[in-house]
Amino acid sequence: GYELKYTSGRYNCVDVNECVTNTHRCNLHAECLNT
């Protein structure tokens, strides 16, 4: 649920927003909420 990204001068594990990357498995009639 996290990915390695270079932010503010160092490498960090940053949360993947599954709702934006469309990697969620929510139903067609459901809303996706990132946590």
PDB file of all heavy atoms in Angstrom:
ATOM      1  N   GLY A   1       0.808  -1.227   0.000  1.00  0.00           N
ATOM      2  CA  GLY A   1       0.000   0.000   0.000  1.00  0.00           C
ATOM      3  C   GLY A   1       0.834   1.267   0.000  1.00  0.00           C
ATOM      4  O   GLY A   1       0.298   2.380   0.006  1.00  0.00           O
ATOM      5  N   TYR A   2       2.175   1.105   0.016  1.00  0.00           N
ATOM      6  CA  TYR A   2       3.089   2.251  -0.037  1.00  0.00           C
ATOM      7  C   TYR A   2       4.081   2.039  -1.178  1.00  0.00           C
ATOM      8  O   TYR A   2       4.361   0.913  -1.566  1.00  0.00           O
ATOM      9  CB  TYR A   2       3.873   2.386   1.283  1.00  0.00           C
ATOM     10  CG  TYR A   2       3.022   2.776   2.455  1.00  0.00           C
ATOM     11  CD1 TYR A   2       2.346   1.798   3.185  1.00  0.00           C
ATOM     12  CD2 TYR A   2       2.881   4.104   2.833  1.00  0.00           C
ATOM     13  CE1 TYR A   2       1.536   2.146   4.269  1.00  0.00           C
ATOM     14  CE2 TYR A   2       2.091   4.459   3.916  1.00  0.00           C
ATOM     15  CZ  TYR A   2       1.415   3.481   4.628  1.00  0.00           C
ATOM     16  OH  TYR A   2       0.632   3.835   5.687  1.00  0.00           O
ATOM     17  N   GLU A   3       4.623   3.141  -1.736  1.00  0.00           N
ATOM     18  CA  GLU A   3       5.636   3.029  -2.784  1.00  0.00           C
ATOM     19  C   GLU A   3       6.780   3.986  -2.493  1.00  0.00           C
ATOM     20  O   GLU A   3       6.603   5.012  -1.843  1.00  0.00           O
ATOM     21  CB  GLU A   3       5.035   3.297  -4.170  1.00  0.00           C
ATOM     22  CG  GLU A   3       4.486   4.692  -4.364  1.00  0.00           C
ATOM     23  CD  GLU A   3       3.835   4.912  -5.722  1.00  0.00           C
ATOM     24  OE1 GLU A   3       4.073   4.112  -6.639  1.00  0.00           O
ATOM     25  OE2 GLU A   3       3.092   5.900  -5.845  1.00  0.00           O
ATOM     26  N   LEU A   4       7.982   3.629  -2.995  1.00  0.00           N
ATOM     27  CA  LEU A   4       9.176   4.432  -2.757  1.00  0.00           C
ATOM     28  C   LEU A   4       9.174   5.633  -3.693  1.00  0.00           C
ATOM     29  O   LEU A   4       9.098   5.483  -4.902  1.00  0.00           O
ATOM     30  CB  LEU A   4      10.430   3.585  -2.980  1.00  0.00           C
ATOM     31  CG  LEU A   4      11.736   4.143  -2.437  1.00  0.00           C
ATOM     32  CD1 LEU A   4      11.699   4.225  -0.914  1.00  0.00           C
ATOM     33  CD2 LEU A   4      12.903   3.283  -2.860  1.00  0.00           C
ATOM     34  N   LYS A   5       9.242   6.835  -3.088  1.00  0.00           N
ATOM     35  CA  LYS A   5       9.260   8.067  -3.885  1.00  0.00           C
ATOM     36  C   LYS A   5      10.305   9.001  -3.325  1.00  0.00           C
ATOM     37  O   LYS A   5      10.580   9.001  -2.125  1.00  0.00           O
ATOM     38  CB  LYS A   5       7.886   8.747  -3.828  1.00  0.00           C
ATOM     39  CG  LYS A   5       6.892   8.190  -4.821  1.00  0.00           C
ATOM     40  CD  LYS A   5       5.899   9.237  -5.235  1.00  0.00           C
ATOM     41  CE  LYS A   5       5.041   8.737  -6.392  1.00  0.00           C
ATOM     42  NZ  LYS A   5       3.650   9.092  -6.224  1.00  0.00           N
ATOM     43  N   TYR A   6      10.888   9.817  -4.215  1.00  0.00           N
ATOM     44  CA  TYR A   6      11.883  10.803  -3.784  1.00  0.00           C
ATOM     45  C   TYR A   6      11.146  12.110  -3.498  1.00  0.00           C
ATOM     46  O   TYR A   6      10.662  12.777  -4.410  1.00  0.00           O
ATOM     47  CB  TYR A   6      12.949  10.997  -4.867  1.00  0.00           C
ATOM     48  CG  TYR A   6      14.068  11.905  -4.423  1.00  0.00           C
ATOM     49  CD1 TYR A   6      15.052  11.425  -3.564  1.00  0.00           C
ATOM     50  CD2 TYR A   6      14.132  13.225  -4.836  1.00  0.00           C
ATOM     51  CE1 TYR A   6      16.087  12.248  -3.142  1.00  0.00           C
ATOM     52  CE2 TYR A   6      15.156  14.047  -4.413  1.00  0.00           C
ATOM     53  CZ  TYR A   6      16.134  13.557  -3.567  1.00  0.00           C
ATOM     54  OH  TYR A   6      17.140  14.374  -3.148  1.00  0.00           O
ATOM     55  N   THR A   7      10.985  12.432  -2.220  1.00  0.00           N
ATOM     56  CA  THR A   7      10.278  13.664  -1.839  1.00  0.00           C
ATOM     57  C   THR A   7      11.105  14.445  -0.825  1.00  0.00           C
ATOM     58  O   THR A   7      11.775  13.854   0.013  1.00  0.00           O
ATOM     59  CB  THR A   7       8.888  13.352  -1.208  1.00  0.00           C
ATOM     60  OG1 THR A   7       9.075  12.425  -0.138  1.00  0.00           O
ATOM     61  CG2 THR A   7       7.919  12.780  -2.222  1.00  0.00           C
ATOM     62  N   SER A   8      11.017  15.737  -0.907  1.00  0.00           N
ATOM     63  CA  SER A   8      11.710  16.691  -0.023  1.00  0.00           C
ATOM     64  C   SER A   8      13.133  16.246   0.344  1.00  0.00           C
ATOM     65  O   SER A   8      13.500  16.159   1.511  1.00  0.00           O
ATOM     66  CB  SER A   8      10.882  17.007   1.227  1.00  0.00           C
ATOM     67  OG  SER A   8      10.544  15.841   1.944  1.00  0.00           O
ATOM     68  N   GLY A   9      13.921  15.911  -0.695  1.00  0.00           N
ATOM     69  CA  GLY A   9      15.339  15.632  -0.519  1.00  0.00           C
ATOM     70  C   GLY A   9      15.711  14.251  -0.039  1.00  0.00           C
ATOM     71  O   GLY A   9      16.865  13.988   0.266  1.00  0.00           O
ATOM     72  N   ARG A  10      14.738  13.336   0.083  1.00  0.00           N
ATOM     73  CA  ARG A  10      15.095  11.968   0.471  1.00  0.00           C
ATOM     74  C   ARG A  10      14.070  10.958  -0.020  1.00  0.00           C
ATOM     75  O   ARG A  10      12.977  11.336  -0.439  1.00  0.00           O
ATOM     76  CB  ARG A  10      15.303  11.847   1.984  1.00  0.00           C
ATOM     77  CG  ARG A  10      14.111  12.155   2.830  1.00  0.00           C
ATOM     78  CD  ARG A  10      14.502  12.481   4.253  1.00  0.00           C
ATOM     79  NE  ARG A  10      13.317  12.418   5.111  1.00  0.00           N
ATOM     80  CZ  ARG A  10      13.121  11.523   6.036  1.00  0.00           C
ATOM     81  NH1 ARG A  10      14.016  10.588   6.254  1.00  0.00           N
ATOM     82  NH2 ARG A  10      12.021  11.527   6.764  1.00  0.00           N
ATOM     83  N   TYR A  11      14.439   9.676   0.050  1.00  0.00           N
ATOM     84  CA  TYR A  11      13.535   8.612  -0.372  1.00  0.00           C
ATOM     85  C   TYR A  11      12.615   8.236   0.788  1.00  0.00           C
ATOM     86  O   TYR A  11      13.069   8.025   1.896  1.00  0.00           O
ATOM     87  CB  TYR A  11      14.335   7.384  -0.821  1.00  0.00           C
ATOM     88  CG  TYR A  11      14.968   7.565  -2.172  1.00  0.00           C
ATOM     89  CD1 TYR A  11      16.236   8.125  -2.301  1.00  0.00           C
ATOM     90  CD2 TYR A  11      14.293   7.181  -3.323  1.00  0.00           C
ATOM     91  CE1 TYR A  11      16.813   8.299  -3.551  1.00  0.00           C
ATOM     92  CE2 TYR A  11      14.867   7.347  -4.577  1.00  0.00           C
ATOM     93  CZ  TYR A  11      16.122   7.912  -4.687  1.00  0.00           C
ATOM     94  OH  TYR A  11      16.688   8.088  -5.916  1.00  0.00           O
ATOM     95  N   ASN A  12      11.325   8.187   0.490  1.00  0.00           N
ATOM     96  CA  ASN A  12      10.338   7.832   1.513  1.00  0.00           C
ATOM     97  C   ASN A  12       9.331   6.854   0.959  1.00  0.00           C
ATOM     98  O   ASN A  12       9.100   6.805  -0.245  1.00  0.00           O
ATOM     99  CB  ASN A  12       9.567   9.093   1.976  1.00  0.00           C
ATOM    100  CG  ASN A  12      10.328   9.865   3.024  1.00  0.00           C
ATOM    101  OD1 ASN A  12      10.920   9.287   3.917  1.00  0.00           O
ATOM    102  ND2 ASN A  12      10.336  11.176   2.895  1.00  0.00           N
ATOM    103  N   CYS A  13       8.713   6.093   1.859  1.00  0.00           N
ATOM    104  CA  CYS A  13       7.608   5.225   1.457  1.00  0.00           C
ATOM    105  C   CYS A  13       6.332   6.044   1.596  1.00  0.00           C
ATOM    106  O   CYS A  13       5.966   6.456   2.694  1.00  0.00           O
ATOM    107  CB  CYS A  13       7.556   3.980   2.340  1.00  0.00           C
ATOM    108  SG  CYS A  13       8.929   2.852   2.022  1.00  0.00           S
ATOM    109  N   VAL A  14       5.710   6.314   0.463  1.00  0.00           N
ATOM    110  CA  VAL A  14       4.534   7.186   0.420  1.00  0.00           C
ATOM    111  C   VAL A  14       3.303   6.346   0.121  1.00  0.00           C
ATOM    112  O   VAL A  14       3.353   5.404  -0.672  1.00  0.00           O
ATOM    113  CB  VAL A  14       4.730   8.279  -0.663  1.00  0.00           C
ATOM    114  CG1 VAL A  14       3.539   9.212  -0.736  1.00  0.00           C
ATOM    115  CG2 VAL A  14       6.001   9.081  -0.395  1.00  0.00           C
ATOM    116  N   ASP A  15       2.186   6.723   0.763  1.00  0.00           N
ATOM    117  CA  ASP A  15       0.926   6.009   0.574  1.00  0.00           C
ATOM    118  C   ASP A  15       0.497   6.031  -0.897  1.00  0.00           C
ATOM    119  O   ASP A  15       0.579   7.062  -1.550  1.00  0.00           O
ATOM    120  CB  ASP A  15      -0.163   6.677   1.436  1.00  0.00           C
ATOM    121  CG  ASP A  15      -1.539   6.116   1.158  1.00  0.00           C
ATOM    122  OD1 ASP A  15      -1.714   4.898   1.296  1.00  0.00           O
ATOM    123  OD2 ASP A  15      -2.438   6.899   0.780  1.00  0.00           O
ATOM    124  N   VAL A  16       0.062   4.889  -1.401  1.00  0.00           N
ATOM    125  CA  VAL A  16      -0.476   4.797  -2.764  1.00  0.00           C
ATOM    126  C   VAL A  16      -1.962   5.118  -2.675  1.00  0.00           C
ATOM    127  O   VAL A  16      -2.676   4.500  -1.882  1.00  0.00           O
ATOM    128  CB  VAL A  16      -0.288   3.373  -3.353  1.00  0.00           C
ATOM    129  CG1 VAL A  16      -0.959   3.238  -4.707  1.00  0.00           C
ATOM    130  CG2 VAL A  16       1.181   3.022  -3.460  1.00  0.00           C
ATOM    131  N   ASN A  17      -2.414   6.086  -3.469  1.00  0.00           N
ATOM    132  CA  ASN A  17      -3.845   6.403  -3.489  1.00  0.00           C
ATOM    133  C   ASN A  17      -4.512   5.491  -4.514  1.00  0.00           C
ATOM    134  O   ASN A  17      -4.543   5.776  -5.709  1.00  0.00           O
ATOM    135  CB  ASN A  17      -4.064   7.881  -3.843  1.00  0.00           C
ATOM    136  CG  ASN A  17      -5.521   8.293  -3.708  1.00  0.00           C
ATOM    137  OD1 ASN A  17      -6.434   7.476  -3.804  1.00  0.00           O
ATOM    138  ND2 ASN A  17      -5.748   9.576  -3.481  1.00  0.00           N
ATOM    139  N   GLU A  18      -5.030   4.347  -4.013  1.00  0.00           N
ATOM    140  CA  GLU A  18      -5.615   3.334  -4.893  1.00  0.00           C
ATOM    141  C   GLU A  18      -6.816   3.873  -5.671  1.00  0.00           C
ATOM    142  O   GLU A  18      -7.136   3.395  -6.747  1.00  0.00           O
ATOM    143  CB  GLU A  18      -6.054   2.097  -4.087  1.00  0.00           C
ATOM    144  CG  GLU A  18      -4.919   1.294  -3.492  1.00  0.00           C
ATOM    145  CD  GLU A  18      -4.417   1.813  -2.142  1.00  0.00           C
ATOM    146  OE1 GLU A  18      -4.916   2.875  -1.672  1.00  0.00           O
ATOM    147  OE2 GLU A  18      -3.528   1.174  -1.582  1.00  0.00           O
ATOM    148  N   CYS A  19      -7.498   4.912  -5.112  1.00  0.00           N
ATOM    149  CA  CYS A  19      -8.669   5.494  -5.775  1.00  0.00           C
ATOM    150  C   CYS A  19      -8.259   6.263  -7.032  1.00  0.00           C
ATOM    151  O   CYS A  19      -8.963   6.263  -8.025  1.00  0.00           O
ATOM    152  CB  CYS A  19      -9.405   6.420  -4.812  1.00  0.00           C
ATOM    153  SG  CYS A  19      -9.859   5.601  -3.272  1.00  0.00           S
ATOM    154  N   VAL A  20      -7.087   6.894  -6.990  1.00  0.00           N
ATOM    155  CA  VAL A  20      -6.579   7.666  -8.127  1.00  0.00           C
ATOM    156  C   VAL A  20      -5.894   6.741  -9.136  1.00  0.00           C
ATOM    157  O   VAL A  20      -6.083   6.866 -10.339  1.00  0.00           O
ATOM    158  CB  VAL A  20      -5.606   8.782  -7.640  1.00  0.00           C
ATOM    159  CG1 VAL A  20      -4.937   9.476  -8.821  1.00  0.00           C
ATOM    160  CG2 VAL A  20      -6.346   9.803  -6.790  1.00  0.00           C
ATOM    161  N   THR A  21      -5.090   5.788  -8.634  1.00  0.00           N
ATOM    162  CA  THR A  21      -4.366   4.881  -9.545  1.00  0.00           C
ATOM    163  C   THR A  21      -5.283   3.801 -10.120  1.00  0.00           C
ATOM    164  O   THR A  21      -4.869   3.016 -10.955  1.00  0.00           O
ATOM    165  CB  THR A  21      -3.188   4.192  -8.816  1.00  0.00           C
ATOM    166  OG1 THR A  21      -3.708   3.476  -7.686  1.00  0.00           O
ATOM    167  CG2 THR A  21      -2.150   5.197  -8.356  1.00  0.00           C
ATOM    168  N   ASN A  22      -6.545   3.772  -9.656  1.00  0.00           N
ATOM    169  CA  ASN A  22      -7.551   2.812 -10.121  1.00  0.00           C
ATOM    170  C   ASN A  22      -7.161   1.367  -9.857  1.00  0.00           C
ATOM    171  O   ASN A  22      -7.458   0.472 -10.633  1.00  0.00           O
ATOM    172  CB  ASN A  22      -7.827   3.023 -11.615  1.00  0.00           C
ATOM    173  CG  ASN A  22      -9.326   3.087 -11.894  1.00  0.00           C
ATOM    174  OD1 ASN A  22     -10.149   2.988 -10.984  1.00  0.00           O
ATOM    175  ND2 ASN A  22      -9.678   3.233 -13.150  1.00  0.00           N
ATOM    176  N   THR A  23      -6.460   1.140  -8.733  1.00  0.00           N
ATOM    177  CA  THR A  23      -6.068  -0.231  -8.373  1.00  0.00           C
ATOM    178  C   THR A  23      -6.967  -0.785  -7.269  1.00  0.00           C
ATOM    179  O   THR A  23      -6.667  -1.799  -6.676  1.00  0.00           O
ATOM    180  CB  THR A  23      -4.590  -0.272  -7.925  1.00  0.00           C
ATOM    181  OG1 THR A  23      -4.384   0.762  -6.957  1.00  0.00           O
ATOM    182  CG2 THR A  23      -3.643  -0.060  -9.086  1.00  0.00           C
ATOM    183  N   HIS A  24      -8.066  -0.089  -7.019  1.00  0.00           N
ATOM    184  CA  HIS A  24      -9.030  -0.566  -5.997  1.00  0.00           C
ATOM    185  C   HIS A  24      -9.953  -1.610  -6.624  1.00  0.00           C
ATOM    186  O   HIS A  24      -9.995  -1.764  -7.848  1.00  0.00           O
ATOM    187  CB  HIS A  24      -9.836   0.615  -5.446  1.00  0.00           C
ATOM    188  CG  HIS A  24     -10.673   1.310  -6.480  1.00  0.00           C
ATOM    189  ND1 HIS A  24     -11.902   0.835  -6.879  1.00  0.00           N
ATOM    190  CD2 HIS A  24     -10.429   2.412  -7.233  1.00  0.00           C
ATOM    191  CE1 HIS A  24     -12.398   1.629  -7.809  1.00  0.00           C
ATOM    192  NE2 HIS A  24     -11.509   2.597  -8.059  1.00  0.00           N
ATOM    193  N   ARG A  25     -10.699  -2.317  -5.776  1.00  0.00           N
ATOM    194  CA  ARG A  25     -11.630  -3.333  -6.270  1.00  0.00           C
ATOM    195  C   ARG A  25     -13.063  -2.990  -5.864  1.00  0.00           C
ATOM    196  O   ARG A  25     -13.874  -3.870  -5.587  1.00  0.00           O
ATOM    197  CB  ARG A  25     -11.244  -4.714  -5.718  1.00  0.00           C
ATOM    198  CG  ARG A  25      -9.860  -5.173  -6.097  1.00  0.00           C
ATOM    199  CD  ARG A  25      -9.490  -6.516  -5.505  1.00  0.00           C
ATOM    200  NE  ARG A  25      -9.699  -6.610  -4.060  1.00  0.00           N
ATOM    201  CZ  ARG A  25      -8.879  -6.094  -3.153  1.00  0.00           C
ATOM    202  NH1 ARG A  25      -7.792  -5.446  -3.525  1.00  0.00           N
ATOM    203  NH2 ARG A  25      -9.140  -6.203  -1.862  1.00  0.00           N
ATOM    204  N   CYS A  26     -13.344  -1.685  -5.788  1.00  0.00           N
ATOM    205  CA  CYS A  26     -14.687  -1.271  -5.367  1.00  0.00           C
ATOM    206  C   CYS A  26     -15.707  -1.575  -6.467  1.00  0.00           C
ATOM    207  O   CYS A  26     -15.376  -1.553  -7.654  1.00  0.00           O
ATOM    208  CB  CYS A  26     -14.716   0.227  -5.069  1.00  0.00           C
ATOM    209  SG  CYS A  26     -13.696   0.688  -3.662  1.00  0.00           S
ATOM    210  N   ASN A  27     -16.936  -1.814  -6.035  1.00  0.00           N
ATOM    211  CA  ASN A  27     -18.040  -2.071  -6.941  1.00  0.00           C
ATOM    212  C   ASN A  27     -18.316  -0.830  -7.791  1.00  0.00           C
ATOM    213  O   ASN A  27     -18.024   0.291  -7.379  1.00  0.00           O
ATOM    214  CB  ASN A  27     -19.287  -2.437  -6.105  1.00  0.00           C
ATOM    215  CG  ASN A  27     -20.427  -2.925  -6.963  1.00  0.00           C
ATOM    216  OD1 ASN A  27     -21.179  -2.142  -7.528  1.00  0.00           O
ATOM    217  ND2 ASN A  27     -20.559  -4.240  -7.049  1.00  0.00           N
ATOM    218  N   LEU A  28     -18.903  -1.058  -8.956  1.00  0.00           N
ATOM    219  CA  LEU A  28     -19.250   0.026  -9.874  1.00  0.00           C
ATOM    220  C   LEU A  28     -20.166   1.048  -9.197  1.00  0.00           C
ATOM    221  O   LEU A  28     -20.101   2.241  -9.494  1.00  0.00           O
ATOM    222  CB  LEU A  28     -19.946  -0.601 -11.100  1.00  0.00           C
ATOM    223  CG  LEU A  28     -20.156   0.284 -12.317  1.00  0.00           C
ATOM    224  CD1 LEU A  28     -18.811   0.641 -12.934  1.00  0.00           C
ATOM    225  CD2 LEU A  28     -21.012  -0.429 -13.349  1.00  0.00           C
ATOM    226  N   HIS A  29     -21.001   0.569  -8.245  1.00  0.00           N
ATOM    227  CA  HIS A  29     -21.947   1.442  -7.546  1.00  0.00           C
ATOM    228  C   HIS A  29     -21.437   1.803  -6.147  1.00  0.00           C
ATOM    229  O   HIS A  29     -22.211   1.951  -5.208  1.00  0.00           O
ATOM    230  CB  HIS A  29     -23.321   0.769  -7.448  1.00  0.00           C
ATOM    231  CG  HIS A  29     -23.867   0.370  -8.788  1.00  0.00           C
ATOM    232  ND1 HIS A  29     -24.276   1.283  -9.727  1.00  0.00           N
ATOM    233  CD2 HIS A  29     -24.023  -0.856  -9.355  1.00  0.00           C
ATOM    234  CE1 HIS A  29     -24.679   0.650 -10.813  1.00  0.00           C
ATOM    235  NE2 HIS A  29     -24.535  -0.652 -10.622  1.00  0.00           N
ATOM    236  N   ALA A  30     -20.121   1.912  -6.016  1.00  0.00           N
ATOM    237  CA  ALA A  30     -19.533   2.269  -4.716  1.00  0.00           C
ATOM    238  C   ALA A  30     -18.514   3.382  -4.894  1.00  0.00           C
ATOM    239  O   ALA A  30     -17.983   3.591  -5.980  1.00  0.00           O
ATOM    240  CB  ALA A  30     -18.864   1.049  -4.095  1.00  0.00           C
ATOM    241  N   GLU A  31     -18.267   4.105  -3.795  1.00  0.00           N
ATOM    242  CA  GLU A  31     -17.245   5.160  -3.782  1.00  0.00           C
ATOM    243  C   GLU A  31     -15.976   4.595  -3.161  1.00  0.00           C
ATOM    244  O   GLU A  31     -16.036   3.821  -2.208  1.00  0.00           O
ATOM    245  CB  GLU A  31     -17.725   6.331  -2.915  1.00  0.00           C
ATOM    246  CG  GLU A  31     -18.706   7.250  -3.594  1.00  0.00           C
ATOM    247  CD  GLU A  31     -19.190   8.319  -2.627  1.00  0.00           C
ATOM    248  OE1 GLU A  31     -18.334   9.062  -2.088  1.00  0.00           O
ATOM    249  OE2 GLU A  31     -20.408   8.386  -2.381  1.00  0.00           O
ATOM    250  N   CYS A  32     -14.834   5.012  -3.702  1.00  0.00           N
ATOM    251  CA  CYS A  32     -13.548   4.588  -3.154  1.00  0.00           C
ATOM    252  C   CYS A  32     -13.033   5.682  -2.219  1.00  0.00           C
ATOM    253  O   CYS A  32     -13.034   6.861  -2.562  1.00  0.00           O
ATOM    254  CB  CYS A  32     -12.567   4.358  -4.298  1.00  0.00           C
ATOM    255  SG  CYS A  32     -10.907   3.944  -3.750  1.00  0.00           S
ATOM    256  N   LEU A  33     -12.595   5.284  -1.015  1.00  0.00           N
ATOM    257  CA  LEU A  33     -12.038   6.230  -0.042  1.00  0.00           C
ATOM    258  C   LEU A  33     -10.620   5.796   0.277  1.00  0.00           C
ATOM    259  O   LEU A  33     -10.404   4.673   0.731  1.00  0.00           O
ATOM    260  CB  LEU A  33     -12.877   6.248   1.246  1.00  0.00           C
ATOM    261  CG  LEU A  33     -14.391   6.490   1.076  1.00  0.00           C
ATOM    262  CD1 LEU A  33     -15.142   6.027   2.295  1.00  0.00           C
ATOM    263  CD2 LEU A  33     -14.659   7.955   0.801  1.00  0.00           C
ATOM    264  N   ASN A  34      -9.653   6.669   0.016  1.00  0.00           N
ATOM    265  CA  ASN A  34      -8.256   6.323   0.281  1.00  0.00           C
ATOM    266  C   ASN A  34      -7.960   6.380   1.782  1.00  0.00           C
ATOM    267  O   ASN A  34      -8.438   7.253   2.482  1.00  0.00           O
ATOM    268  CB  ASN A  34      -7.325   7.275  -0.471  1.00  0.00           C
ATOM    269  CG  ASN A  34      -5.869   6.855  -0.352  1.00  0.00           C
ATOM    270  OD1 ASN A  34      -5.520   5.708  -0.558  1.00  0.00           O
ATOM    271  ND2 ASN A  34      -5.020   7.790   0.031  1.00  0.00           N
ATOM    272  N   THR A  35      -7.171   5.421   2.275  1.00  0.00           N
ATOM    273  CA  THR A  35      -6.712   5.420   3.674  1.00  0.00           C
ATOM    274  C   THR A  35      -5.198   5.198   3.641  1.00  0.00           C
ATOM    275  O   THR A  35      -4.654   4.816   2.610  1.00  0.00           O
ATOM    276  CB  THR A  35      -7.379   4.286   4.493  1.00  0.00           C
ATOM    277  OG1 THR A  35      -6.997   3.034   3.904  1.00  0.00           O
ATOM    278  CG2 THR A  35      -8.886   4.400   4.527  1.00  0.00           C
TER     279      THR A  35
END
